[in-house]
Amino acid sequence: MLPVLILRHDADAGPGYLGEALAAGGLGTVVVDPAASEPLPGLEGWSAVVSLGGAMGAYEEAAHPWLAEEKRLLALATAARLPVLGICLGCQLLADALGGRAYPGTGREVGLVTLRLTEEGRADPVARHLEGTVVASHADTWDLPPGAVLLASSDRYRHAFRLGSALGLQPHPEVGPDAFARWTRAKPLAELARDGIDPEAVIAAVAADAGRQRETAARLFGAWAAQILAR
């Protein structure tokens, strides 16, 4: 089986529980970090493509020229009907690449967030595992690409969509509590306070829920791995 291409945008934002699920399915992975000036490969030779999270905005192409190249790769992979998964920044890049729009939101979602699935989300073999509480860490959002279906939302933001073989997930089901704690403590305290977020409280809540989050991730990413293996 060809390996899965994983596009990482921050050394501390790796595949996490997603990597565990792919390994459990017997799928190899290759990690490329375009933000660290690693060249993006061509589309040939991959069984699937993943775009992970990162601190930059999907719309900041002037500051990060590789974003435009990554968007082209995601669009080509979707057109070729390869399984494509975008998580947080990757979801925003995917939405933008497929004709939607990524842009700053009206405030941060950090910590445990409750999602509501749409009818399409409940029927989706992967996204149906998102129902309930997930870990989020973002301030940007996105509009649905033409032809895409919305799968899940929180009270504040859209959180999942599908367009053909491409699946975008705004939350971070791949992240464990230790990495989440590092991310949260690195955020400007003034910005967190402005959005009513107590960093230590959300860190403690995510840590307390870590076992359930890991089980959810195993089901979610196991289902996505099964789609790759079924091709």
Protein backbone atom coordinates (compact mmCIF):
# COMPACT_ATOMS: atom_id res chain seq x y z
CA MET A 1 0.00 0.00 0.00
CA LEU A 2 1.30 3.45 -0.88
CA PRO A 3 2.10 5.71 2.10
CA VAL A 4 -0.03 8.60 3.33
CA LEU A 5 1.43 12.06 2.76
CA ILE A 6 1.17 14.18 5.92
CA LEU A 7 1.70 17.94 5.57
CA ARG A 8 2.80 19.33 8.92
CA HIS A 9 3.07 23.07 9.56
CA ASP A 10 4.52 23.13 13.08
CA ALA A 11 6.96 20.74 14.75
CA ASP A 12 4.62 20.52 17.77
CA ALA A 13 1.49 19.89 15.68
CA GLY A 14 2.12 16.39 14.41
CA PRO A 15 -0.26 13.58 13.48
CA GLY A 16 -0.77 12.40 17.07
CA TYR A 17 -3.70 10.01 17.39
CA LEU A 18 -4.16 10.08 13.61
CA GLY A 19 -0.69 8.62 13.21
CA GLU A 20 -1.56 5.87 15.68
CA ALA A 21 -4.71 4.95 13.72
CA LEU A 22 -2.88 4.88 10.40
CA ALA A 23 -0.15 2.66 11.86
CA ALA A 24 -2.79 0.35 13.36
CA GLY A 25 -4.26 0.00 9.86
CA GLY A 26 -0.89 -0.92 8.42
CA LEU A 27 -0.52 2.39 6.57
CA GLY A 28 2.88 4.01 6.33
CA THR A 29 3.30 7.78 6.49
CA VAL A 30 5.71 10.40 5.16
CA VAL A 31 5.74 13.78 6.92
CA VAL A 32 6.66 16.91 4.95
CA ASP A 33 6.83 20.37 6.57
CA PRO A 34 6.41 23.11 3.97
CA ALA A 35 6.56 25.77 6.70
CA ALA A 36 10.13 24.62 7.38
CA SER A 37 11.00 25.04 3.67
CA GLU A 38 10.65 21.36 2.86
CA PRO A 39 9.52 21.09 -0.78
CA LEU A 40 6.05 19.77 -1.45
CA PRO A 41 6.11 16.53 -3.44
CA GLY A 42 4.03 15.75 -6.49
CA LEU A 43 0.75 13.93 -6.29
CA GLU A 44 1.98 10.55 -7.51
CA GLY A 45 2.88 7.79 -5.08
CA TRP A 46 0.44 8.49 -2.23
CA SER A 47 -2.60 6.62 -0.99
CA ALA A 48 -4.00 9.73 0.75
CA VAL A 49 -3.08 13.27 1.77
CA VAL A 50 -3.40 14.93 5.20
CA SER A 51 -3.00 18.64 5.96
CA LEU A 52 -2.52 19.35 9.67
CA GLY A 53 -2.83 22.44 11.87
CA GLY A 54 -0.61 25.48 12.25
CA ALA A 55 -0.48 28.97 13.68
CA MET A 56 -0.62 30.82 10.35
CA GLY A 57 -3.82 31.80 8.59
CA ALA A 58 -4.83 30.00 5.42
CA TYR A 59 -5.21 33.45 3.80
CA GLU A 60 -1.65 34.62 4.65
CA GLU A 61 -0.09 33.68 1.33
CA ALA A 62 1.99 36.86 1.16
CA ALA A 63 3.80 35.90 4.38
CA HIS A 64 3.83 32.16 3.61
CA PRO A 65 4.05 31.62 -0.17
CA TRP A 66 3.98 27.82 0.20
CA LEU A 67 0.31 28.06 1.24
CA ALA A 68 -0.73 28.62 -2.39
CA GLU A 69 1.25 25.57 -3.50
CA GLU A 70 -0.27 23.41 -0.78
CA LYS A 71 -3.77 24.53 -1.74
CA ARG A 72 -3.08 23.49 -5.34
CA LEU A 73 -1.91 20.07 -4.15
CA LEU A 74 -5.04 19.60 -2.03
CA ALA A 75 -7.28 20.59 -4.94
CA LEU A 76 -5.48 18.22 -7.31
CA ALA A 77 -5.67 15.35 -4.80
CA THR A 78 -9.41 15.90 -4.38
CA ALA A 79 -9.90 16.05 -8.16
CA ALA A 80 -8.00 12.76 -8.43
CA ARG A 81 -10.38 11.28 -5.81
CA LEU A 82 -7.62 10.54 -3.35
CA PRO A 83 -8.76 10.56 0.29
CA VAL A 84 -7.86 14.01 1.62
CA LEU A 85 -8.12 15.04 5.26
CA GLY A 86 -7.70 18.60 6.51
CA ILE A 87 -7.50 19.35 10.25
CA CYS A 88 -7.90 22.90 11.66
CA LEU A 89 -5.57 24.99 9.43
CA GLY A 90 -5.69 22.06 7.02
CA CYS A 91 -9.50 22.25 6.99
CA GLN A 92 -9.32 25.97 6.21
CA LEU A 93 -6.76 25.37 3.45
CA LEU A 94 -8.95 22.63 2.01
CA ALA A 95 -12.06 24.83 2.05
CA ASP A 96 -10.16 27.63 0.32
CA ALA A 97 -8.56 25.26 -2.20
CA LEU A 98 -11.95 23.87 -3.23
CA GLY A 99 -13.57 27.24 -3.84
CA GLY A 100 -14.70 28.29 -0.36
CA ARG A 101 -13.06 30.96 1.76
CA ALA A 102 -10.96 31.02 4.93
CA TYR A 103 -10.89 34.14 7.10
CA PRO A 104 -10.54 35.38 10.71
CA GLY A 105 -13.42 34.45 12.98
CA THR A 106 -15.06 36.49 15.70
CA GLY A 107 -13.02 35.01 18.55
CA ARG A 108 -11.19 31.91 19.68
CA GLU A 109 -12.58 28.48 20.45
CA VAL A 110 -10.07 26.79 22.76
CA GLY A 111 -10.79 23.67 24.79
CA LEU A 112 -13.70 21.26 24.78
CA VAL A 113 -16.44 22.19 22.32
CA THR A 114 -19.76 20.41 21.76
CA LEU A 115 -20.62 19.65 18.15
CA ARG A 116 -23.98 19.01 16.53
CA LEU A 117 -24.01 16.80 13.46
CA THR A 118 -26.18 17.52 10.47
CA GLU A 119 -28.17 14.72 8.86
CA GLU A 120 -25.30 14.31 6.38
CA GLY A 121 -22.82 14.22 9.24
CA ARG A 122 -24.68 11.43 11.00
CA ALA A 123 -24.66 9.46 7.74
CA ASP A 124 -20.97 10.08 7.00
CA PRO A 125 -18.89 6.96 7.81
CA VAL A 126 -16.10 9.08 9.32
CA ALA A 127 -17.66 12.30 10.62
CA ARG A 128 -20.41 10.45 12.50
CA HIS A 129 -17.79 9.72 15.17
CA LEU A 130 -17.46 13.46 15.91
CA GLU A 131 -20.79 13.77 17.68
CA GLY A 132 -20.41 15.16 21.17
CA THR A 133 -17.43 16.96 22.70
CA VAL A 134 -14.19 17.53 20.82
CA VAL A 135 -10.98 19.51 21.39
CA ALA A 136 -10.72 22.78 19.48
CA SER A 137 -8.02 25.44 19.20
CA HIS A 138 -8.64 28.05 16.52
CA ALA A 139 -9.58 31.65 15.79
CA ASP A 140 -10.16 31.39 12.01
CA THR A 141 -13.11 29.92 10.15
CA TRP A 142 -14.27 29.12 6.61
CA ASP A 143 -17.15 29.13 4.17
CA LEU A 144 -18.34 25.93 2.51
CA PRO A 145 -16.91 25.27 -0.96
CA PRO A 146 -19.46 24.97 -3.77
CA GLY A 147 -21.03 21.52 -3.75
CA ALA A 148 -19.74 20.64 -0.27
CA VAL A 149 -22.00 19.41 2.52
CA LEU A 150 -21.81 20.67 6.09
CA LEU A 151 -21.33 17.80 8.56
CA ALA A 152 -20.98 19.43 11.99
CA SER A 153 -21.08 22.78 13.79
CA SER A 154 -20.61 24.20 17.26
CA ASP A 155 -22.73 27.02 18.63
CA ARG A 156 -20.26 29.42 17.04
CA TYR A 157 -18.52 27.93 14.00
CA ARG A 158 -18.74 25.35 11.23
CA HIS A 159 -16.62 22.32 12.13
CA ALA A 160 -16.70 19.72 9.37
CA PHE A 161 -17.49 19.37 5.69
CA ARG A 162 -17.15 16.86 2.90
CA LEU A 163 -16.71 17.35 -0.83
CA GLY A 164 -16.18 14.09 -2.69
CA SER A 165 -13.10 12.35 -1.28
CA ALA A 166 -12.11 15.40 0.80
CA LEU A 167 -13.01 15.74 4.48
CA GLY A 168 -12.35 18.92 6.44
CA LEU A 169 -12.32 18.89 10.26
CA GLN A 170 -12.01 22.16 12.17
CA PRO A 171 -11.40 20.58 15.63
CA HIS A 172 -8.26 18.77 16.77
CA PRO A 173 -9.25 15.13 17.41
CA GLU A 174 -5.62 14.16 16.79
CA VAL A 175 -4.14 16.10 19.71
CA GLY A 176 -3.26 14.71 23.12
CA PRO A 177 -3.51 16.69 26.38
CA ASP A 178 0.20 17.47 26.69
CA ALA A 179 0.49 19.06 23.25
CA PHE A 180 -2.79 20.92 23.80
CA ALA A 181 -1.40 22.34 27.04
CA ARG A 182 1.74 23.58 25.27
CA TRP A 183 -0.31 25.20 22.50
CA THR A 184 -2.61 26.93 24.95
CA ARG A 185 0.15 28.25 27.21
CA ALA A 186 1.91 29.68 24.14
CA LYS A 187 -1.10 31.85 23.20
CA PRO A 188 -1.16 35.52 24.26
CA LEU A 189 -2.90 35.74 27.63
CA ALA A 190 -4.56 39.04 26.69
CA GLU A 191 -6.20 37.47 23.64
CA LEU A 192 -7.44 34.49 25.63
CA ALA A 193 -8.83 36.80 28.32
CA ARG A 194 -10.55 38.91 25.67
CA ASP A 195 -12.42 35.79 24.50
CA GLY A 196 -13.28 34.69 28.04
CA ILE A 197 -10.86 31.74 28.06
CA ASP A 198 -9.05 30.67 31.24
CA PRO A 199 -6.06 28.74 29.86
CA GLU A 200 -5.41 26.59 32.92
CA ALA A 201 -9.09 25.71 33.23
CA VAL A 202 -9.36 24.53 29.61
CA ILE A 203 -6.07 22.62 29.92
CA ALA A 204 -7.41 20.81 33.00
CA ALA A 205 -10.71 20.02 31.28
CA VAL A 206 -8.97 18.55 28.23
CA ALA A 207 -6.66 16.49 30.45
CA ALA A 208 -9.61 15.13 32.43
CA ASP A 209 -11.36 14.08 29.20
CA ALA A 210 -8.24 12.65 27.53
CA GLY A 211 -9.28 8.99 27.70
CA ARG A 212 -12.57 9.60 25.93
CA GLN A 213 -10.93 11.87 23.38
CA ARG A 214 -8.40 9.17 22.51
CA GLU A 215 -11.19 6.60 22.07
CA THR A 216 -13.10 8.99 19.82
CA ALA A 217 -9.97 9.61 17.77
CA ALA A 218 -9.38 5.88 17.34
CA ARG A 219 -12.90 5.41 15.95
CA LEU A 220 -12.80 8.53 13.78
CA PHE A 221 -9.38 8.01 12.26
CA GLY A 222 -9.83 4.25 12.12
CA ALA A 223 -12.85 4.84 9.92
CA TRP A 224 -10.84 7.18 7.69
CA ALA A 225 -8.01 4.64 7.45
CA ALA A 226 -10.56 1.98 6.47
CA GLN A 227 -11.66 4.19 3.55
CA ILE A 228 -8.07 4.35 2.34
CA LEU A 229 -7.60 0.60 2.65
CA ALA A 230 -10.86 -0.07 0.80
CA ARG A 231 -9.72 1.75 -2.33
